[in-house]
């Protein structure tokens, strides 16, 4: 499933074609994706101007005039492409079958934005903008990992007294919204924390963060920012809005590198793989404690 950098990369690729433009027609080539489209989906969008395109966790949010927001989730294999002569937008062809083009947005600026989803795990909703924060999808989401709210003091409060592994806590969307498996593995390696370690062990008795926990927020943000600069990670289905592959996977230090030498300076360890909550965890037992 695309993680935060992949979704943010798509947002940036779509913004030149969508923001400020009016939707003149919407094609839905089937009745549903993961869920049925909202009633009168095309009619409710036709004529609406997109005032802004933002991201919350792994959701894309297109705010419309008229007080509603188009909520879009990419699921496992969803992606967008942009066709049309739009300055700043991407136009390189993609290699996916047009048979999986399920929604097409025709914009007044000449752009044609197509949603492609072979597995159809993505979905689209239309919700009231003022009520969006209280919606079931968003009301329990935690802080954004690239925001100033994610700091060592926040993590110390969130982890204090918790026996759950630190990786599980970081993946808990109620604490931090949008972090996924790949980038948690990478961030924990950079600050020398074992993903198997109990979160509470990273907080001292006075409720203050340990030195390792103090390093973690910066490590998370650095990994995400590097992934954004690389256009995300293309493992199976992810494509950018221009159809090109992200390439952060070539910078992985631990993820999917079981049996490789640890890249940490001076470490002679070997990357290991463990299973946590049904997901693969990659780490170095030698330098991550």
C-alpha atoms as a PDB file:
ATOM      1  CA  UNK A   1       0.000   0.000   0.000  1.00  0.00           C
ATOM      2  CA  UNK A   2       1.348   3.472  -0.814  1.00  0.00           C
ATOM      3  CA  UNK A   3       2.710   5.180   2.283  1.00  0.00           C
ATOM      4  CA  UNK A   4       2.812   8.868   3.192  1.00  0.00           C
ATOM      5  CA  UNK A   5       5.659   9.883   0.811  1.00  0.00           C
ATOM      6  CA  UNK A   6       3.967   8.154  -2.109  1.00  0.00           C
ATOM      7  CA  UNK A   7       0.619   9.833  -1.390  1.00  0.00           C
ATOM      8  CA  UNK A   8       2.256  13.231  -0.915  1.00  0.00           C
ATOM      9  CA  UNK A   9       4.186  12.755  -4.165  1.00  0.00           C
ATOM     10  CA  UNK A  10       0.910  12.075  -5.977  1.00  0.00           C
ATOM     11  CA  UNK A  11      -0.659  15.152  -4.371  1.00  0.00           C
ATOM     12  CA  UNK A  12       2.146  17.357  -5.626  1.00  0.00           C
ATOM     13  CA  UNK A  13       1.888  15.852  -9.100  1.00  0.00           C
ATOM     14  CA  UNK A  14      -1.864  16.440  -9.310  1.00  0.00           C
ATOM     15  CA  UNK A  15      -1.961  19.950  -7.853  1.00  0.00           C
ATOM     16  CA  UNK A  16      -1.039  21.877 -11.058  1.00  0.00           C
ATOM     17  CA  UNK A  17      -3.882  20.196 -12.945  1.00  0.00           C
ATOM     18  CA  UNK A  18      -6.529  20.352 -10.236  1.00  0.00           C
ATOM     19  CA  UNK A  19      -6.113  23.311  -7.905  1.00  0.00           C
ATOM     20  CA  UNK A  20      -8.130  26.313  -9.053  1.00  0.00           C
ATOM     21  CA  UNK A  21      -9.745  24.418 -11.918  1.00  0.00           C
ATOM     22  CA  UNK A  22     -13.413  23.589 -12.354  1.00  0.00           C
ATOM     23  CA  UNK A  23     -14.592  20.034 -12.990  1.00  0.00           C
ATOM     24  CA  UNK A  24     -16.627  20.006 -16.219  1.00  0.00           C
ATOM     25  CA  UNK A  25     -17.364  16.280 -16.412  1.00  0.00           C
ATOM     26  CA  UNK A  26     -16.718  13.099 -14.425  1.00  0.00           C
ATOM     27  CA  UNK A  27     -16.731   9.635 -15.974  1.00  0.00           C
ATOM     28  CA  UNK A  28     -17.255   6.639 -13.709  1.00  0.00           C
ATOM     29  CA  UNK A  29     -16.639   3.488 -15.714  1.00  0.00           C
ATOM     30  CA  UNK A  30     -17.991   1.134 -13.067  1.00  0.00           C
ATOM     31  CA  UNK A  31     -20.355   1.416 -10.129  1.00  0.00           C
ATOM     32  CA  UNK A  32     -17.832   0.937  -7.362  1.00  0.00           C
ATOM     33  CA  UNK A  33     -14.239   0.678  -6.248  1.00  0.00           C
ATOM     34  CA  UNK A  34     -13.736  -0.789  -2.771  1.00  0.00           C
ATOM     35  CA  UNK A  35     -17.121   0.737  -1.952  1.00  0.00           C
ATOM     36  CA  UNK A  36     -19.931   1.993  -4.208  1.00  0.00           C
ATOM     37  CA  UNK A  37     -19.541   5.596  -5.311  1.00  0.00           C
ATOM     38  CA  UNK A  38     -21.659   8.069  -3.328  1.00  0.00           C
ATOM     39  CA  UNK A  39     -25.140   8.727  -4.759  1.00  0.00           C
ATOM     40  CA  UNK A  40     -25.050  11.188  -7.673  1.00  0.00           C
ATOM     41  CA  UNK A  41     -21.240  11.174  -7.495  1.00  0.00           C
ATOM     42  CA  UNK A  42     -20.649  12.631 -10.961  1.00  0.00           C
ATOM     43  CA  UNK A  43     -23.457  15.163 -10.731  1.00  0.00           C
ATOM     44  CA  UNK A  44     -22.306  16.446  -7.332  1.00  0.00           C
ATOM     45  CA  UNK A  45     -18.795  17.058  -8.679  1.00  0.00           C
ATOM     46  CA  UNK A  46     -19.709  18.532 -12.053  1.00  0.00           C
ATOM     47  CA  UNK A  47     -19.305  22.316 -12.052  1.00  0.00           C
ATOM     48  CA  UNK A  48     -17.401  22.371  -8.753  1.00  0.00           C
ATOM     49  CA  UNK A  49     -14.119  24.242  -8.522  1.00  0.00           C
ATOM     50  CA  UNK A  50     -11.243  22.631  -6.607  1.00  0.00           C
ATOM     51  CA  UNK A  51     -10.037  25.206  -4.087  1.00  0.00           C
ATOM     52  CA  UNK A  52      -7.169  23.153  -2.687  1.00  0.00           C
ATOM     53  CA  UNK A  53      -5.625  19.704  -2.672  1.00  0.00           C
ATOM     54  CA  UNK A  54      -4.214  18.477   0.631  1.00  0.00           C
ATOM     55  CA  UNK A  55      -3.192  15.283   2.346  1.00  0.00           C
ATOM     56  CA  UNK A  56      -4.236  13.912   5.737  1.00  0.00           C
ATOM     57  CA  UNK A  57      -2.415  10.711   6.671  1.00  0.00           C
ATOM     58  CA  UNK A  58      -2.730   8.591   3.493  1.00  0.00           C
ATOM     59  CA  UNK A  59      -5.831  10.358   2.144  1.00  0.00           C
ATOM     60  CA  UNK A  60      -5.988  12.940  -0.647  1.00  0.00           C
ATOM     61  CA  UNK A  61      -8.507  15.699   0.033  1.00  0.00           C
ATOM     62  CA  UNK A  62      -9.778  17.954  -2.754  1.00  0.00           C
ATOM     63  CA  UNK A  63     -11.668  20.851  -1.163  1.00  0.00           C
ATOM     64  CA  UNK A  64     -14.497  22.048  -3.411  1.00  0.00           C
ATOM     65  CA  UNK A  65     -16.404  25.281  -3.593  1.00  0.00           C
ATOM     66  CA  UNK A  66     -19.806  24.718  -2.089  1.00  0.00           C
ATOM     67  CA  UNK A  67     -18.387  23.353   1.181  1.00  0.00           C
ATOM     68  CA  UNK A  68     -17.691  19.740   0.292  1.00  0.00           C
ATOM     69  CA  UNK A  69     -14.474  17.705   0.010  1.00  0.00           C
ATOM     70  CA  UNK A  70     -13.677  14.871  -2.355  1.00  0.00           C
ATOM     71  CA  UNK A  71     -11.898  12.223  -0.268  1.00  0.00           C
ATOM     72  CA  UNK A  72      -9.645   9.837  -2.225  1.00  0.00           C
ATOM     73  CA  UNK A  73      -7.702   6.804  -1.016  1.00  0.00           C
ATOM     74  CA  UNK A  74      -5.326   4.885  -3.291  1.00  0.00           C
ATOM     75  CA  UNK A  75      -5.782   1.506  -1.625  1.00  0.00           C
ATOM     76  CA  UNK A  76      -3.210  -1.110  -2.656  1.00  0.00           C
ATOM     77  CA  UNK A  77      -2.744  -0.281  -6.327  1.00  0.00           C
ATOM     78  CA  UNK A  78      -4.490   2.989  -7.119  1.00  0.00           C
ATOM     79  CA  UNK A  79      -2.737   5.736  -9.059  1.00  0.00           C
ATOM     80  CA  UNK A  80      -3.505   8.852 -11.087  1.00  0.00           C
ATOM     81  CA  UNK A  81      -2.208  10.148 -14.371  1.00  0.00           C
ATOM     82  CA  UNK A  82      -2.583  13.569 -15.925  1.00  0.00           C
ATOM     83  CA  UNK A  83      -3.101  14.200 -19.633  1.00  0.00           C
ATOM     84  CA  UNK A  84      -3.298  17.674 -21.143  1.00  0.00           C
ATOM     85  CA  UNK A  85      -1.105  20.714 -21.655  1.00  0.00           C
ATOM     86  CA  UNK A  86      -0.865  21.905 -18.047  1.00  0.00           C
ATOM     87  CA  UNK A  87       2.247  23.874 -16.943  1.00  0.00           C
ATOM     88  CA  UNK A  88       3.932  22.101 -14.070  1.00  0.00           C
ATOM     89  CA  UNK A  89       1.926  18.906 -14.496  1.00  0.00           C
ATOM     90  CA  UNK A  90       3.365  15.573 -15.580  1.00  0.00           C
ATOM     91  CA  UNK A  91       2.607  13.879 -18.876  1.00  0.00           C
ATOM     92  CA  UNK A  92       4.887  10.897 -19.396  1.00  0.00           C
ATOM     93  CA  UNK A  93       2.979   7.735 -20.369  1.00  0.00           C
ATOM     94  CA  UNK A  94       2.314   4.959 -17.910  1.00  0.00           C
ATOM     95  CA  UNK A  95       2.478   1.249 -18.541  1.00  0.00           C
ATOM     96  CA  UNK A  96      -0.783   0.196 -16.886  1.00  0.00           C
ATOM     97  CA  UNK A  97      -3.743  -1.153 -18.817  1.00  0.00           C
ATOM     98  CA  UNK A  98      -6.504   1.321 -19.660  1.00  0.00           C
ATOM     99  CA  UNK A  99      -8.904  -1.467 -18.701  1.00  0.00           C
ATOM    100  CA  UNK A 100      -8.251  -0.405 -15.100  1.00  0.00           C
ATOM    101  CA  UNK A 101      -9.074   3.270 -15.704  1.00  0.00           C
ATOM    102  CA  UNK A 102     -12.150   3.629 -13.496  1.00  0.00           C
ATOM    103  CA  UNK A 103     -12.682   7.381 -12.996  1.00  0.00           C
ATOM    104  CA  UNK A 104     -11.813  10.277 -15.318  1.00  0.00           C
ATOM    105  CA  UNK A 105     -12.040  13.924 -14.259  1.00  0.00           C
ATOM    106  CA  UNK A 106     -12.315  16.368 -17.187  1.00  0.00           C
ATOM    107  CA  UNK A 107     -11.168  19.821 -16.068  1.00  0.00           C
ATOM    108  CA  UNK A 108     -11.941  23.229 -17.559  1.00  0.00           C
ATOM    109  CA  UNK A 109      -8.204  23.880 -18.036  1.00  0.00           C
ATOM    110  CA  UNK A 110      -7.971  20.991 -20.492  1.00  0.00           C
ATOM    111  CA  UNK A 111      -6.504  18.473 -18.070  1.00  0.00           C
ATOM    112  CA  UNK A 112      -7.817  14.945 -17.987  1.00  0.00           C
ATOM    113  CA  UNK A 113      -7.065  13.240 -14.652  1.00  0.00           C
ATOM    114  CA  UNK A 114      -7.557   9.478 -14.671  1.00  0.00           C
ATOM    115  CA  UNK A 115      -7.749   7.168 -11.657  1.00  0.00           C
ATOM    116  CA  UNK A 116      -6.399   3.675 -12.402  1.00  0.00           C
ATOM    117  CA  UNK A 117      -6.749   0.821  -9.913  1.00  0.00           C
ATOM    118  CA  UNK A 118      -6.240  -2.836 -10.928  1.00  0.00           C
ATOM    119  CA  UNK A 119      -7.169  -4.239  -7.516  1.00  0.00           C
ATOM    120  CA  UNK A 120      -9.923  -1.699  -6.805  1.00  0.00           C
ATOM    121  CA  UNK A 121      -9.026  -1.322  -3.113  1.00  0.00           C
ATOM    122  CA  UNK A 122      -9.111   2.456  -3.383  1.00  0.00           C
ATOM    123  CA  UNK A 123     -12.238   4.538  -2.849  1.00  0.00           C
ATOM    124  CA  UNK A 124     -13.737   8.007  -3.239  1.00  0.00           C
ATOM    125  CA  UNK A 125     -16.213   9.804  -0.993  1.00  0.00           C
ATOM    126  CA  UNK A 126     -17.782  13.271  -0.919  1.00  0.00           C
ATOM    127  CA  UNK A 127     -18.075  14.746   2.575  1.00  0.00           C
ATOM    128  CA  UNK A 128     -18.902  18.068   4.216  1.00  0.00           C
ATOM    129  CA  UNK A 129     -15.684  20.073   4.589  1.00  0.00           C
ATOM    130  CA  UNK A 130     -16.563  21.645   7.984  1.00  0.00           C
ATOM    131  CA  UNK A 131     -17.459  18.225   9.380  1.00  0.00           C
ATOM    132  CA  UNK A 132     -14.492  16.350   7.932  1.00  0.00           C
ATOM    133  CA  UNK A 133     -12.398  16.280  11.113  1.00  0.00           C
ATOM    134  CA  UNK A 134     -15.279  14.547  12.916  1.00  0.00           C
ATOM    135  CA  UNK A 135     -15.747  11.947  10.165  1.00  0.00           C
ATOM    136  CA  UNK A 136     -15.103   8.330  11.164  1.00  0.00           C
ATOM    137  CA  UNK A 137     -12.059   8.168   8.871  1.00  0.00           C
ATOM    138  CA  UNK A 138     -10.362  11.196  10.432  1.00  0.00           C
ATOM    139  CA  UNK A 139     -11.599  11.775  13.974  1.00  0.00           C
ATOM    140  CA  UNK A 140      -9.144   9.365  15.596  1.00  0.00           C
ATOM    141  CA  UNK A 141      -6.077  10.143  13.483  1.00  0.00           C
ATOM    142  CA  UNK A 142      -2.931  11.205  15.313  1.00  0.00           C
ATOM    143  CA  UNK A 143      -0.377  13.905  14.556  1.00  0.00           C
ATOM    144  CA  UNK A 144       1.193  14.334  11.145  1.00  0.00           C
ATOM    145  CA  UNK A 145       4.748  12.961  11.209  1.00  0.00           C
ATOM    146  CA  UNK A 146       6.211  15.925   9.325  1.00  0.00           C
ATOM    147  CA  UNK A 147       4.608  18.457  11.651  1.00  0.00           C
ATOM    148  CA  UNK A 148       6.148  20.202  14.645  1.00  0.00           C
ATOM    149  CA  UNK A 149       3.715  18.255  16.858  1.00  0.00           C
ATOM    150  CA  UNK A 150       5.856  15.147  16.438  1.00  0.00           C
ATOM    151  CA  UNK A 151       8.709  15.690  18.857  1.00  0.00           C
ATOM    152  CA  UNK A 152      10.439  13.747  21.616  1.00  0.00           C
ATOM    153  CA  UNK A 153       8.104  15.053  24.305  1.00  0.00           C
ATOM    154  CA  UNK A 154       5.067  13.841  22.365  1.00  0.00           C
ATOM    155  CA  UNK A 155       6.602  10.386  21.891  1.00  0.00           C
ATOM    156  CA  UNK A 156       7.520  10.170  25.566  1.00  0.00           C
ATOM    157  CA  UNK A 157       3.920  10.893  26.547  1.00  0.00           C
ATOM    158  CA  UNK A 158       2.587   8.421  23.992  1.00  0.00           C
ATOM    159  CA  UNK A 159       5.026   5.626  24.915  1.00  0.00           C
ATOM    160  CA  UNK A 160       5.135   5.997  28.689  1.00  0.00           C
ATOM    161  CA  UNK A 161       4.081   2.791  30.422  1.00  0.00           C
ATOM    162  CA  UNK A 162       3.436   0.975  27.139  1.00  0.00           C
ATOM    163  CA  UNK A 163       4.578  -2.640  26.767  1.00  0.00           C
ATOM    164  CA  UNK A 164       3.831  -2.794  23.035  1.00  0.00           C
ATOM    165  CA  UNK A 165       6.857  -2.858  20.698  1.00  0.00           C
ATOM    166  CA  UNK A 166       7.973   0.550  19.540  1.00  0.00           C
ATOM    167  CA  UNK A 167       7.306  -0.351  15.920  1.00  0.00           C
ATOM    168  CA  UNK A 168       3.678  -1.208  16.676  1.00  0.00           C
ATOM    169  CA  UNK A 169       3.250   2.122  18.469  1.00  0.00           C
ATOM    170  CA  UNK A 170       4.697   4.067  15.560  1.00  0.00           C
ATOM    171  CA  UNK A 171       2.318   2.309  13.175  1.00  0.00           C
ATOM    172  CA  UNK A 172      -0.688   3.119  15.363  1.00  0.00           C
ATOM    173  CA  UNK A 173      -2.558   5.704  13.279  1.00  0.00           C
ATOM    174  CA  UNK A 174      -4.207   7.028  16.438  1.00  0.00           C
ATOM    175  CA  UNK A 175      -0.788   8.270  17.567  1.00  0.00           C
ATOM    176  CA  UNK A 176       0.914   9.204  14.307  1.00  0.00           C
ATOM    177  CA  UNK A 177      -1.067   9.486  11.083  1.00  0.00           C
ATOM    178  CA  UNK A 178       0.432   8.182   7.868  1.00  0.00           C
ATOM    179  CA  UNK A 179       3.542   6.322   8.973  1.00  0.00           C
ATOM    180  CA  UNK A 180       3.923   2.922   7.321  1.00  0.00           C
ATOM    181  CA  UNK A 181       6.045  -0.189   7.603  1.00  0.00           C
ATOM    182  CA  UNK A 182       8.881   0.786   5.282  1.00  0.00           C
ATOM    183  CA  UNK A 183       9.659   4.169   6.781  1.00  0.00           C
ATOM    184  CA  UNK A 184       9.310   3.021  10.387  1.00  0.00           C
ATOM    185  CA  UNK A 185      11.907   0.293   9.761  1.00  0.00           C
ATOM    186  CA  UNK A 186      14.242   2.815   8.161  1.00  0.00           C
ATOM    187  CA  UNK A 187      13.826   5.466  10.875  1.00  0.00           C
ATOM    188  CA  UNK A 188      14.368   3.025  13.742  1.00  0.00           C
ATOM    189  CA  UNK A 189      17.605   1.833  12.168  1.00  0.00           C
ATOM    190  CA  UNK A 190      18.899   5.378  11.821  1.00  0.00           C
ATOM    191  CA  UNK A 191      18.508   6.087  15.510  1.00  0.00           C
ATOM    192  CA  UNK A 192      19.598   2.660  16.756  1.00  0.00           C
ATOM    193  CA  UNK A 193      16.300   1.511  18.278  1.00  0.00           C
ATOM    194  CA  UNK A 194      15.217  -2.110  17.993  1.00  0.00           C
ATOM    195  CA  UNK A 195      11.697  -2.432  16.578  1.00  0.00           C
ATOM    196  CA  UNK A 196      11.137  -5.220  19.126  1.00  0.00           C
ATOM    197  CA  UNK A 197      11.834  -3.008  22.131  1.00  0.00           C
ATOM    198  CA  UNK A 198       8.908  -2.068  24.372  1.00  0.00           C
ATOM    199  CA  UNK A 199       7.934   1.554  23.835  1.00  0.00           C
ATOM    200  CA  UNK A 200       7.847   2.224  27.565  1.00  0.00           C
ATOM    201  CA  UNK A 201      11.521   1.288  27.834  1.00  0.00           C
ATOM    202  CA  UNK A 202      12.348   4.403  25.827  1.00  0.00           C
ATOM    203  CA  UNK A 203      10.958   6.661  28.549  1.00  0.00           C
ATOM    204  CA  UNK A 204      12.778   7.215  31.833  1.00  0.00           C
ATOM    205  CA  UNK A 205      11.011   7.238  35.200  1.00  0.00           C
ATOM    206  CA  UNK A 206      10.485  10.996  35.173  1.00  0.00           C
ATOM    207  CA  UNK A 207       8.586  10.705  31.892  1.00  0.00           C
ATOM    208  CA  UNK A 208      11.436  12.131  29.853  1.00  0.00           C
ATOM    209  CA  UNK A 209      12.608  10.555  26.569  1.00  0.00           C
ATOM    210  CA  UNK A 210      15.816   8.549  26.490  1.00  0.00           C
ATOM    211  CA  UNK A 211      18.611   9.760  24.216  1.00  0.00           C
ATOM    212  CA  UNK A 212      17.555   7.247  21.560  1.00  0.00           C
ATOM    213  CA  UNK A 213      13.930   8.403  21.669  1.00  0.00           C
ATOM    214  CA  UNK A 214      15.072  12.006  21.424  1.00  0.00           C
ATOM    215  CA  UNK A 215      16.715  11.128  18.088  1.00  0.00           C
ATOM    216  CA  UNK A 216      13.640   9.383  16.684  1.00  0.00           C
ATOM    217  CA  UNK A 217      11.473  12.338  15.539  1.00  0.00           C
ATOM    218  CA  UNK A 218      14.307  13.771  13.464  1.00  0.00           C
ATOM    219  CA  UNK A 219      15.035  10.334  12.001  1.00  0.00           C
ATOM    220  CA  UNK A 220      11.380   9.899  10.998  1.00  0.00           C
ATOM    221  CA  UNK A 221      11.251  13.300   9.335  1.00  0.00           C
ATOM    222  CA  UNK A 222      14.577  12.851   7.558  1.00  0.00           C
ATOM    223  CA  UNK A 223      13.544   9.490   6.108  1.00  0.00           C
ATOM    224  CA  UNK A 224      10.201  10.876   4.927  1.00  0.00           C
ATOM    225  CA  UNK A 225      11.787  13.987   3.413  1.00  0.00           C
ATOM    226  CA  UNK A 226      14.403  11.909   1.587  1.00  0.00           C
ATOM    227  CA  UNK A 227      11.654   9.628   0.279  1.00  0.00           C
ATOM    228  CA  UNK A 228       9.670  12.650  -0.911  1.00  0.00           C
ATOM    229  CA  UNK A 229      12.709  13.987  -2.744  1.00  0.00           C
ATOM    230  CA  UNK A 230      13.072  10.577  -4.424  1.00  0.00           C
ATOM    231  CA  UNK A 231       9.416  10.408  -5.437  1.00  0.00           C
ATOM    232  CA  UNK A 232       8.575   7.671  -2.950  1.00  0.00           C
ATOM    233  CA  UNK A 233       9.350   3.961  -3.123  1.00  0.00           C
ATOM    234  CA  UNK A 234       8.210   1.791  -6.027  1.00  0.00           C
ATOM    235  CA  UNK A 235       7.935  -1.801  -4.855  1.00  0.00           C
ATOM    236  CA  UNK A 236       4.939  -3.209  -6.706  1.00  0.00           C
ATOM    237  CA  UNK A 237       2.196  -0.845  -7.780  1.00  0.00           C
ATOM    238  CA  UNK A 238       3.225   2.690  -6.899  1.00  0.00           C
ATOM    239  CA  UNK A 239       3.608   5.237  -9.682  1.00  0.00           C
ATOM    240  CA  UNK A 240       3.852   8.992  -9.530  1.00  0.00           C
ATOM    241  CA  UNK A 241       1.245  11.147 -11.274  1.00  0.00           C
ATOM    242  CA  UNK A 242       3.574  11.310 -14.283  1.00  0.00           C
ATOM    243  CA  UNK A 243       3.728   7.531 -14.472  1.00  0.00           C
ATOM    244  CA  UNK A 244       7.362   7.356 -13.396  1.00  0.00           C
ATOM    245  CA  UNK A 245       8.717   5.211 -10.604  1.00  0.00           C
ATOM    246  CA  UNK A 246       9.841   6.539  -7.253  1.00  0.00           C
ATOM    247  CA  UNK A 247      13.369   5.427  -6.425  1.00  0.00           C
ATOM    248  CA  UNK A 248      13.788   5.698  -2.644  1.00  0.00           C
ATOM    249  CA  UNK A 249      13.870   1.884  -2.508  1.00  0.00           C
ATOM    250  CA  UNK A 250      17.443   2.141  -3.788  1.00  0.00           C
ATOM    251  CA  UNK A 251      18.312   3.960  -0.551  1.00  0.00           C
ATOM    252  CA  UNK A 252      16.831   1.404   1.844  1.00  0.00           C
ATOM    253  CA  UNK A 253      19.229   0.638   4.677  1.00  0.00           C
ATOM    254  CA  UNK A 254      17.302  -2.256   6.178  1.00  0.00           C
ATOM    255  CA  UNK A 255      13.926  -2.751   4.523  1.00  0.00           C
ATOM    256  CA  UNK A 256      13.832  -5.893   2.368  1.00  0.00           C
ATOM    257  CA  UNK A 257      17.601  -6.401   2.906  1.00  0.00           C
ATOM    258  CA  UNK A 258      17.555  -9.544   5.048  1.00  0.00           C
ATOM    259  CA  UNK A 259      21.003 -11.139   5.135  1.00  0.00           C
ATOM    260  CA  UNK A 260      22.823  -8.021   3.910  1.00  0.00           C
ATOM    261  CA  UNK A 261      25.587  -6.345   5.876  1.00  0.00           C
ATOM    262  CA  UNK A 262      24.397  -3.529   8.125  1.00  0.00           C
ATOM    263  CA  UNK A 263      25.283  -0.173   6.524  1.00  0.00           C
ATOM    264  CA  UNK A 264      25.738   1.642   9.860  1.00  0.00           C
ATOM    265  CA  UNK A 265      29.328   2.909  10.180  1.00  0.00           C
ATOM    266  CA  UNK A 266      31.437   0.511  12.219  1.00  0.00           C
ATOM    267  CA  UNK A 267      28.679  -2.093  12.605  1.00  0.00           C
ATOM    268  CA  UNK A 268      29.527  -5.660  11.658  1.00  0.00           C
ATOM    269  CA  UNK A 269      25.946  -6.891  12.002  1.00  0.00           C
ATOM    270  CA  UNK A 270      23.645  -8.495   9.446  1.00  0.00           C
ATOM    271  CA  UNK A 271      20.129  -7.337   8.639  1.00  0.00           C
ATOM    272  CA  UNK A 272      17.525  -9.678  10.102  1.00  0.00           C
ATOM    273  CA  UNK A 273      13.826 -10.134   9.436  1.00  0.00           C
ATOM    274  CA  UNK A 274      11.124 -10.642  12.054  1.00  0.00           C
ATOM    275  CA  UNK A 275       7.334 -10.812  11.806  1.00  0.00           C
ATOM    276  CA  UNK A 276       5.282  -8.384  13.869  1.00  0.00           C
ATOM    277  CA  UNK A 277       1.503  -8.305  13.600  1.00  0.00           C
ATOM    278  CA  UNK A 278       1.724 -10.121  10.299  1.00  0.00           C
ATOM    279  CA  UNK A 279       4.192  -7.639   8.778  1.00  0.00           C
ATOM    280  CA  UNK A 280       7.856  -8.082   7.982  1.00  0.00           C
ATOM    281  CA  UNK A 281      10.220  -6.082  10.145  1.00  0.00           C
ATOM    282  CA  UNK A 282      13.826  -5.521   9.039  1.00  0.00           C
ATOM    283  CA  UNK A 283      16.494  -4.416  11.491  1.00  0.00           C
ATOM    284  CA  UNK A 284      20.067  -4.959  12.674  1.00  0.00           C
ATOM    285  CA  UNK A 285      20.214  -6.920  15.961  1.00  0.00           C
ATOM    286  CA  UNK A 286      23.788  -5.719  16.444  1.00  0.00           C
ATOM    287  CA  UNK A 287      23.335  -1.942  16.480  1.00  0.00           C
ATOM    288  CA  UNK A 288      19.614  -1.553  17.201  1.00  0.00           C
ATOM    289  CA  UNK A 289      18.964  -2.032  20.906  1.00  0.00           C
END
